[in-house]
């Protein structure tokens, strides 16, 4: 279970870091030349997301996919909602709260 928690944190953090660093992302195509630059924030996001992928391989190997996959998507969605609110200053409205409640009900129903 601790691996799963770390997976959710790394995956969510990776996506939030991608969003944070995306304003500094620069891709240029000029006469068959390709230029690409990114910030350290995007690189940190890539590292987190890569680490989460490697953890996912271990988790899938030890768990039932039909249970762990929906659970991971639900937990990551909730973690991104909360992280985006605190880190990216995104608003959480009534629709997001209701959606989170539905996700939590779904997780509870899966465990019954």
Protein backbone atom coordinates (compact mmCIF):
# COMPACT_ATOMS: atom_id res chain seq x y z
CA UNK A 1 0.00 0.00 0.00
CA UNK A 2 2.91 2.36 0.66
CA UNK A 3 4.13 1.81 -2.91
CA UNK A 4 0.68 2.74 -4.18
CA UNK A 5 0.66 5.94 -2.11
CA UNK A 6 4.12 6.90 -3.42
CA UNK A 7 2.93 6.12 -6.97
CA UNK A 8 -0.08 8.43 -6.62
CA UNK A 9 2.05 11.25 -5.18
CA UNK A 10 4.76 10.95 -7.86
CA UNK A 11 2.29 10.67 -10.72
CA UNK A 12 0.22 13.63 -9.54
CA UNK A 13 3.27 15.73 -8.75
CA UNK A 14 4.76 14.94 -12.15
CA UNK A 15 1.65 16.22 -13.92
CA UNK A 16 1.44 19.33 -11.76
CA UNK A 17 5.13 20.07 -12.40
CA UNK A 18 4.52 19.66 -16.15
CA UNK A 19 1.80 22.29 -15.90
CA UNK A 20 3.99 24.62 -13.81
CA UNK A 21 6.93 24.37 -16.17
CA UNK A 22 4.99 24.40 -19.42
CA UNK A 23 5.05 28.20 -19.65
CA UNK A 24 8.85 28.00 -20.04
CA UNK A 25 8.69 25.25 -22.67
CA UNK A 26 9.97 26.34 -26.07
CA UNK A 27 9.86 24.34 -29.30
CA UNK A 28 11.06 25.96 -32.53
CA UNK A 29 11.18 24.56 -36.08
CA UNK A 30 13.35 26.57 -38.45
CA UNK A 31 14.46 25.35 -41.87
CA UNK A 32 15.00 21.72 -40.90
CA UNK A 33 16.40 22.67 -37.51
CA UNK A 34 14.72 21.70 -34.30
CA UNK A 35 15.21 23.60 -31.07
CA UNK A 36 13.76 22.46 -27.77
CA UNK A 37 14.29 23.93 -24.33
CA UNK A 38 12.62 23.23 -21.01
CA UNK A 39 12.92 24.37 -17.44
CA UNK A 40 14.20 22.37 -14.49
CA UNK A 41 10.57 22.18 -13.32
CA UNK A 42 9.61 20.18 -16.42
CA UNK A 43 12.66 17.95 -15.91
CA UNK A 44 11.57 17.34 -12.30
CA UNK A 45 8.11 16.47 -13.60
CA UNK A 46 9.59 14.01 -16.08
CA UNK A 47 11.64 12.42 -13.28
CA UNK A 48 8.55 12.09 -11.03
CA UNK A 49 6.45 10.67 -13.84
CA UNK A 50 9.17 8.20 -14.86
CA UNK A 51 9.60 7.06 -11.23
CA UNK A 52 5.83 6.64 -10.93
CA UNK A 53 5.81 4.52 -14.09
CA UNK A 54 8.48 2.22 -12.67
CA UNK A 55 6.50 1.90 -9.43
CA UNK A 56 3.39 1.17 -11.47
CA UNK A 57 5.13 -1.82 -13.04
CA UNK A 58 5.79 -3.25 -9.57
CA UNK A 59 2.26 -2.49 -8.34
CA UNK A 60 0.58 -4.08 -11.36
CA UNK A 61 2.72 -7.17 -10.94
CA UNK A 62 1.54 -7.62 -7.33
CA UNK A 63 -2.13 -6.59 -7.68
CA UNK A 64 -5.31 -7.37 -9.55
CA UNK A 65 -5.40 -4.99 -12.50
CA UNK A 66 -9.21 -4.84 -12.51
CA UNK A 67 -9.07 -3.35 -9.00
CA UNK A 68 -5.84 -1.37 -8.91
CA UNK A 69 -6.26 0.49 -12.20
CA UNK A 70 -9.61 2.18 -11.39
CA UNK A 71 -8.38 2.86 -7.87
CA UNK A 72 -5.21 4.52 -9.15
CA UNK A 73 -7.10 6.70 -11.63
CA UNK A 74 -9.52 7.78 -8.90
CA UNK A 75 -6.78 8.59 -6.38
CA UNK A 76 -4.68 10.45 -8.96
CA UNK A 77 -7.68 12.52 -10.06
CA UNK A 78 -8.38 13.54 -6.46
CA UNK A 79 -4.68 14.23 -5.76
CA UNK A 80 -4.41 16.41 -8.88
CA UNK A 81 -7.54 18.32 -7.90
CA UNK A 82 -6.15 19.05 -4.44
CA UNK A 83 -2.61 19.71 -5.66
CA UNK A 84 -3.80 22.01 -8.42
CA UNK A 85 -5.78 24.01 -5.90
CA UNK A 86 -2.84 24.52 -3.53
CA UNK A 87 0.08 24.66 -5.98
CA UNK A 88 -1.49 26.15 -9.12
CA UNK A 89 -4.17 28.21 -7.33
CA UNK A 90 -6.93 26.60 -9.40
CA UNK A 91 -10.46 26.97 -8.07
CA UNK A 92 -12.45 24.04 -6.74
CA UNK A 93 -16.15 24.49 -7.43
CA UNK A 94 -19.24 22.56 -6.51
CA UNK A 95 -18.96 20.36 -9.64
CA UNK A 96 -15.46 19.29 -8.64
CA UNK A 97 -16.58 18.54 -5.09
CA UNK A 98 -19.55 16.49 -6.30
CA UNK A 99 -17.31 14.64 -8.76
CA UNK A 100 -14.83 13.89 -5.99
CA UNK A 101 -17.68 12.59 -3.83
CA UNK A 102 -18.80 10.29 -6.64
CA UNK A 103 -15.25 9.02 -7.05
CA UNK A 104 -14.97 8.31 -3.32
CA UNK A 105 -18.32 6.48 -3.35
CA UNK A 106 -17.05 4.41 -6.29
CA UNK A 107 -13.88 3.50 -4.35
CA UNK A 108 -15.97 2.45 -1.35
CA UNK A 109 -18.25 0.34 -3.55
CA UNK A 110 -15.22 -1.41 -5.07
CA UNK A 111 -14.02 -2.44 -1.61
CA UNK A 112 -17.39 -3.94 -0.54
